[in-house]
Amino acid sequence: MRDREECEGSQVVEKEMSKMTQLIVMATHGLLANYDARGGSIFADLLATKQRITHDMAKKAMN
């Protein structure tokens, strides 16, 4: 009985890993497409967003 449960659990883990892998592949394709379209500016946008969020969090912490 335990072997069957372990096998079923392993199958569930494999399915979830497959879903995560698919998401990573899709995200990578999207990132590469954006890079092809906009070049390195996509990274500048990401950094600017991170800096804005960090600044907003620091401002809230001071209040």
PDB file of N, CA and C in Angstrom:
ATOM      1  N   MET A   1       0.829  -1.197   0.000  1.00  0.00           N
ATOM      2  CA  MET A   1       0.000   0.000   0.000  1.00  0.00           C
ATOM      3  C   MET A   1       0.873   1.260   0.000  1.00  0.00           C
ATOM      4  N   ARG A   2       1.927   1.236   0.805  1.00  0.00           N
ATOM      5  CA  ARG A   2       2.786   2.416   0.899  1.00  0.00           C
ATOM      6  C   ARG A   2       3.496   2.697  -0.423  1.00  0.00           C
ATOM      7  N   ASP A   3       3.942   1.649  -1.114  1.00  0.00           N
ATOM      8  CA  ASP A   3       4.602   1.831  -2.405  1.00  0.00           C
ATOM      9  C   ASP A   3       3.669   2.507  -3.397  1.00  0.00           C
ATOM     10  N   ARG A   4       2.392   2.117  -3.370  1.00  0.00           N
ATOM     11  CA  ARG A   4       1.405   2.717  -4.270  1.00  0.00           C
ATOM     12  C   ARG A   4       1.227   4.197  -3.958  1.00  0.00           C
ATOM     13  N   GLU A   5       1.138   4.542  -2.683  1.00  0.00           N
ATOM     14  CA  GLU A   5       0.989   5.933  -2.274  1.00  0.00           C
ATOM     15  C   GLU A   5       2.205   6.757  -2.669  1.00  0.00           C
ATOM     16  N   GLU A   6       3.388   6.193  -2.488  1.00  0.00           N
ATOM     17  CA  GLU A   6       4.611   6.894  -2.876  1.00  0.00           C
ATOM     18  C   GLU A   6       4.657   7.103  -4.381  1.00  0.00           C
ATOM     19  N   CYS A   7       4.222   6.111  -5.144  1.00  0.00           N
ATOM     20  CA  CYS A   7       4.204   6.212  -6.603  1.00  0.00           C
ATOM     21  C   CYS A   7       3.228   7.296  -7.048  1.00  0.00           C
ATOM     22  N   GLU A   8       2.035   7.321  -6.437  1.00  0.00           N
ATOM     23  CA  GLU A   8       1.043   8.343  -6.779  1.00  0.00           C
ATOM     24  C   GLU A   8       1.552   9.725  -6.388  1.00  0.00           C
ATOM     25  N   GLY A   9       2.188   9.831  -5.237  1.00  0.00           N
ATOM     26  CA  GLY A   9       2.756  11.106  -4.805  1.00  0.00           C
ATOM     27  C   GLY A   9       3.840  11.577  -5.749  1.00  0.00           C
ATOM     28  N   SER A  10       4.640  10.641  -6.215  1.00  0.00           N
ATOM     29  CA  SER A  10       5.699  10.972  -7.159  1.00  0.00           C
ATOM     30  C   SER A  10       5.119  11.477  -8.478  1.00  0.00           C
ATOM     31  N   GLN A  11       4.019  10.878  -8.912  1.00  0.00           N
ATOM     32  CA  GLN A  11       3.366  11.304 -10.151  1.00  0.00           C
ATOM     33  C   GLN A  11       2.813  12.723 -10.017  1.00  0.00           C
ATOM     34  N   VAL A  12       2.266  13.030  -8.851  1.00  0.00           N
ATOM     35  CA  VAL A  12       1.746  14.377  -8.604  1.00  0.00           C
ATOM     36  C   VAL A  12       2.883  15.393  -8.658  1.00  0.00           C
ATOM     37  N   VAL A  13       3.994  15.051  -8.031  1.00  0.00           N
ATOM     38  CA  VAL A  13       5.149  15.944  -8.037  1.00  0.00           C
ATOM     39  C   VAL A  13       5.654  16.156  -9.456  1.00  0.00           C
ATOM     40  N   GLU A  14       5.725  15.090 -10.242  1.00  0.00           N
ATOM     41  CA  GLU A  14       6.177  15.202 -11.628  1.00  0.00           C
ATOM     42  C   GLU A  14       5.256  16.100 -12.449  1.00  0.00           C
ATOM     43  N   LYS A  15       3.951  15.988 -12.249  1.00  0.00           N
ATOM     44  CA  LYS A  15       3.001  16.841 -12.979  1.00  0.00           C
ATOM     45  C   LYS A  15       3.186  18.305 -12.604  1.00  0.00           C
ATOM     46  N   GLU A  16       3.357  18.564 -11.307  1.00  0.00           N
ATOM     47  CA  GLU A  16       3.550  19.945 -10.854  1.00  0.00           C
ATOM     48  C   GLU A  16       4.860  20.519 -11.378  1.00  0.00           C
ATOM     49  N   MET A  17       5.910  19.709 -11.377  1.00  0.00           N
ATOM     50  CA  MET A  17       7.198  20.158 -11.914  1.00  0.00           C
ATOM     51  C   MET A  17       7.077  20.458 -13.399  1.00  0.00           C
ATOM     52  N   SER A  18       6.314  19.645 -14.110  1.00  0.00           N
ATOM     53  CA  SER A  18       6.112  19.864 -15.539  1.00  0.00           C
ATOM     54  C   SER A  18       5.390  21.187 -15.772  1.00  0.00           C
ATOM     55  N   LYS A  19       4.388  21.481 -14.949  1.00  0.00           N
ATOM     56  CA  LYS A  19       3.668  22.752 -15.064  1.00  0.00           C
ATOM     57  C   LYS A  19       4.605  23.933 -14.808  1.00  0.00           C
ATOM     58  N   MET A  20       5.440  23.806 -13.777  1.00  0.00           N
ATOM     59  CA  MET A  20       6.383  24.884 -13.463  1.00  0.00           C
ATOM     60  C   MET A  20       7.383  25.074 -14.593  1.00  0.00           C
ATOM     61  N   THR A  21       7.840  23.969 -15.159  1.00  0.00           N
ATOM     62  CA  THR A  21       8.781  24.057 -16.276  1.00  0.00           C
ATOM     63  C   THR A  21       8.143  24.762 -17.457  1.00  0.00           C
ATOM     64  N   GLN A  22       6.891  24.436 -17.748  1.00  0.00           N
ATOM     65  CA  GLN A  22       6.178  25.093 -18.843  1.00  0.00           C
ATOM     66  C   GLN A  22       6.056  26.592 -18.589  1.00  0.00           C
ATOM     67  N   LEU A  23       5.759  26.975 -17.364  1.00  0.00           N
ATOM     68  CA  LEU A  23       5.650  28.396 -17.034  1.00  0.00           C
ATOM     69  C   LEU A  23       6.984  29.112 -17.210  1.00  0.00           C
ATOM     70  N   ILE A  24       8.059  28.455 -16.788  1.00  0.00           N
ATOM     71  CA  ILE A  24       9.393  29.052 -16.934  1.00  0.00           C
ATOM     72  C   ILE A  24       9.731  29.228 -18.412  1.00  0.00           C
ATOM     73  N   VAL A  25       9.421  28.221 -19.220  1.00  0.00           N
ATOM     74  CA  VAL A  25       9.686  28.310 -20.660  1.00  0.00           C
ATOM     75  C   VAL A  25       8.879  29.441 -21.277  1.00  0.00           C
ATOM     76  N   MET A  26       7.601  29.546 -20.908  1.00  0.00           N
ATOM     77  CA  MET A  26       6.755  30.619 -21.450  1.00  0.00           C
ATOM     78  C   MET A  26       7.282  31.992 -21.038  1.00  0.00           C
ATOM     79  N   ALA A  27       7.681  32.132 -19.788  1.00  0.00           N
ATOM     80  CA  ALA A  27       8.213  33.409 -19.310  1.00  0.00           C
ATOM     81  C   ALA A  27       9.507  33.764 -20.032  1.00  0.00           C
ATOM     82  N   THR A  28      10.343  32.768 -20.254  1.00  0.00           N
ATOM     83  CA  THR A  28      11.610  33.001 -20.956  1.00  0.00           C
ATOM     84  C   THR A  28      11.357  33.437 -22.392  1.00  0.00           C
ATOM     85  N   HIS A  29      10.409  32.790 -23.050  1.00  0.00           N
ATOM     86  CA  HIS A  29      10.064  33.178 -24.424  1.00  0.00           C
ATOM     87  C   HIS A  29       9.546  34.618 -24.468  1.00  0.00           C
ATOM     88  N   GLY A  30       8.720  34.973 -23.488  1.00  0.00           N
ATOM     89  CA  GLY A  30       8.204  36.338 -23.423  1.00  0.00           C
ATOM     90  C   GLY A  30       9.308  37.350 -23.191  1.00  0.00           C
ATOM     91  N   LEU A  31      10.219  37.021 -22.301  1.00  0.00           N
ATOM     92  CA  LEU A  31      11.339  37.915 -22.020  1.00  0.00           C
ATOM     93  C   LEU A  31      12.209  38.103 -23.256  1.00  0.00           C
ATOM     94  N   LEU A  32      12.493  37.022 -23.951  1.00  0.00           N
ATOM     95  CA  LEU A  32      13.302  37.122 -25.167  1.00  0.00           C
ATOM     96  C   LEU A  32      12.588  37.906 -26.265  1.00  0.00           C
ATOM     97  N   ALA A  33      11.280  37.727 -26.388  1.00  0.00           N
ATOM     98  CA  ALA A  33      10.517  38.477 -27.386  1.00  0.00           C
ATOM     99  C   ALA A  33      10.551  39.971 -27.060  1.00  0.00           C
ATOM    100  N   ASN A  34      10.401  40.307 -25.781  1.00  0.00           N
ATOM    101  CA  ASN A  34      10.474  41.712 -25.373  1.00  0.00           C
ATOM    102  C   ASN A  34      11.864  42.280 -25.615  1.00  0.00           C
ATOM    103  N   TYR A  35      12.875  41.468 -25.350  1.00  0.00           N
ATOM    104  CA  TYR A  35      14.245  41.926 -25.579  1.00  0.00           C
ATOM    105  C   TYR A  35      14.477  42.183 -27.071  1.00  0.00           C
ATOM    106  N   ASP A  36      13.964  41.279 -27.920  1.00  0.00           N
ATOM    107  CA  ASP A  36      14.090  41.481 -29.372  1.00  0.00           C
ATOM    108  C   ASP A  36      13.381  42.760 -29.812  1.00  0.00           C
ATOM    109  N   ALA A  37      12.234  43.034 -29.220  1.00  0.00           N
ATOM    110  CA  ALA A  37      11.435  44.194 -29.620  1.00  0.00           C
ATOM    111  C   ALA A  37      11.975  45.501 -29.057  1.00  0.00           C
ATOM    112  N   ARG A  38      12.443  45.473 -27.805  1.00  0.00           N
ATOM    113  CA  ARG A  38      12.807  46.720 -27.129  1.00  0.00           C
ATOM    114  C   ARG A  38      14.270  46.809 -26.725  1.00  0.00           C
ATOM    115  N   GLY A  39      15.001  45.747 -26.912  1.00  0.00           N
ATOM    116  CA  GLY A  39      16.419  45.768 -26.548  1.00  0.00           C
ATOM    117  C   GLY A  39      16.608  45.824 -25.047  1.00  0.00           C
ATOM    118  N   GLY A  40      17.733  46.358 -24.653  1.00  0.00           N
ATOM    119  CA  GLY A  40      18.111  46.400 -23.249  1.00  0.00           C
ATOM    120  C   GLY A  40      17.250  47.307 -22.388  1.00  0.00           C
ATOM    121  N   SER A  41      16.386  48.097 -23.015  1.00  0.00           N
ATOM    122  CA  SER A  41      15.556  49.014 -22.220  1.00  0.00           C
ATOM    123  C   SER A  41      14.603  48.264 -21.291  1.00  0.00           C
ATOM    124  N   ILE A  42      14.292  47.000 -21.613  1.00  0.00           N
ATOM    125  CA  ILE A  42      13.404  46.254 -20.712  1.00  0.00           C
ATOM    126  C   ILE A  42      14.049  46.076 -19.349  1.00  0.00           C
ATOM    127  N   PHE A  43      15.362  45.936 -19.328  1.00  0.00           N
ATOM    128  CA  PHE A  43      16.041  45.779 -18.050  1.00  0.00           C
ATOM    129  C   PHE A  43      16.073  47.102 -17.293  1.00  0.00           C
ATOM    130  N   ALA A  44      16.204  48.199 -18.016  1.00  0.00           N
ATOM    131  CA  ALA A  44      16.154  49.515 -17.374  1.00  0.00           C
ATOM    132  C   ALA A  44      14.781  49.727 -16.752  1.00  0.00           C
ATOM    133  N   ASP A  45      13.722  49.308 -17.462  1.00  0.00           N
ATOM    134  CA  ASP A  45      12.364  49.421 -16.916  1.00  0.00           C
ATOM    135  C   ASP A  45      12.215  48.605 -15.643  1.00  0.00           C
ATOM    136  N   LEU A  46      12.762  47.392 -15.646  1.00  0.00           N
ATOM    137  CA  LEU A  46      12.677  46.545 -14.458  1.00  0.00           C
ATOM    138  C   LEU A  46      13.416  47.171 -13.283  1.00  0.00           C
ATOM    139  N   LEU A  47      14.594  47.703 -13.535  1.00  0.00           N
ATOM    140  CA  LEU A  47      15.364  48.334 -12.466  1.00  0.00           C
ATOM    141  C   LEU A  47      14.667  49.574 -11.937  1.00  0.00           C
ATOM    142  N   ALA A  48      14.095  50.363 -12.837  1.00  0.00           N
ATOM    143  CA  ALA A  48      13.387  51.570 -12.408  1.00  0.00           C
ATOM    144  C   ALA A  48      12.195  51.201 -11.531  1.00  0.00           C
ATOM    145  N   THR A  49      11.483  50.146 -11.900  1.00  0.00           N
ATOM    146  CA  THR A  49      10.344  49.700 -11.109  1.00  0.00           C
ATOM    147  C   THR A  49      10.799  49.241  -9.731  1.00  0.00           C
ATOM    148  N   LYS A  50      11.889  48.475  -9.679  1.00  0.00           N
ATOM    149  CA  LYS A  50      12.412  48.004  -8.389  1.00  0.00           C
ATOM    150  C   LYS A  50      12.828  49.180  -7.521  1.00  0.00           C
ATOM    151  N   GLN A  51      13.485  50.165  -8.121  1.00  0.00           N
ATOM    152  CA  GLN A  51      13.916  51.330  -7.355  1.00  0.00           C
ATOM    153  C   GLN A  51      12.720  52.118  -6.834  1.00  0.00           C
ATOM    154  N   ARG A  52      11.674  52.218  -7.653  1.00  0.00           N
ATOM    155  CA  ARG A  52      10.476  52.945  -7.228  1.00  0.00           C
ATOM    156  C   ARG A  52       9.804  52.226  -6.064  1.00  0.00           C
ATOM    157  N   ILE A  53       9.693  50.908  -6.163  1.00  0.00           N
ATOM    158  CA  ILE A  53       9.071  50.126  -5.092  1.00  0.00           C
ATOM    159  C   ILE A  53       9.886  50.233  -3.810  1.00  0.00           C
ATOM    160  N   THR A  54      11.198  50.127  -3.933  1.00  0.00           N
ATOM    161  CA  THR A  54      12.074  50.246  -2.765  1.00  0.00           C
ATOM    162  C   THR A  54      11.931  51.610  -2.123  1.00  0.00           C
ATOM    163  N   HIS A  55      11.879  52.639  -2.942  1.00  0.00           N
ATOM    164  CA  HIS A  55      11.718  54.009  -2.434  1.00  0.00           C
ATOM    165  C   HIS A  55      10.377  54.156  -1.727  1.00  0.00           C
ATOM    166  N   ASP A  56       9.296  53.632  -2.336  1.00  0.00           N
ATOM    167  CA  ASP A  56       7.960  53.716  -1.741  1.00  0.00           C
ATOM    168  C   ASP A  56       7.904  52.978  -0.401  1.00  0.00           C
ATOM    169  N   MET A  57       8.551  51.809  -0.330  1.00  0.00           N
ATOM    170  CA  MET A  57       8.561  51.051   0.918  1.00  0.00           C
ATOM    171  C   MET A  57       9.324  51.789   2.007  1.00  0.00           C
ATOM    172  N   ALA A  58      10.433  52.384   1.645  1.00  0.00           N
ATOM    173  CA  ALA A  58      11.236  53.139   2.628  1.00  0.00           C
ATOM    174  C   ALA A  58      10.436  54.346   3.119  1.00  0.00           C
ATOM    175  N   LYS A  59       9.734  54.986   2.211  1.00  0.00           N
ATOM    176  CA  LYS A  59       8.924  56.156   2.587  1.00  0.00           C
ATOM    177  C   LYS A  59       7.818  55.759   3.556  1.00  0.00           C
ATOM    178  N   LYS A  60       7.158  54.626   3.290  1.00  0.00           N
ATOM    179  CA  LYS A  60       6.094  54.150   4.181  1.00  0.00           C
ATOM    180  C   LYS A  60       6.648  53.777   5.544  1.00  0.00           C
ATOM    181  N   ALA A  61       7.844  53.203   5.569  1.00  0.00           N
ATOM    182  CA  ALA A  61       8.451  52.795   6.834  1.00  0.00           C
ATOM    183  C   ALA A  61       8.769  53.999   7.715  1.00  0.00           C
ATOM    184  N   MET A  62       9.039  55.128   7.095  1.00  0.00           N
ATOM    185  CA  MET A  62       9.382  56.335   7.851  1.00  0.00           C
ATOM    186  C   MET A  62       8.144  57.021   8.432  1.00  0.00           C
ATOM    187  N   ASN A  63       7.003  56.730   7.851  1.00  0.00           N
ATOM    188  CA  ASN A  63       5.757  57.390   8.319  1.00  0.00           C
ATOM    189  C   ASN A  63       5.147  56.694   9.479  1.00  0.00           C
TER     190      ASN A  63
END
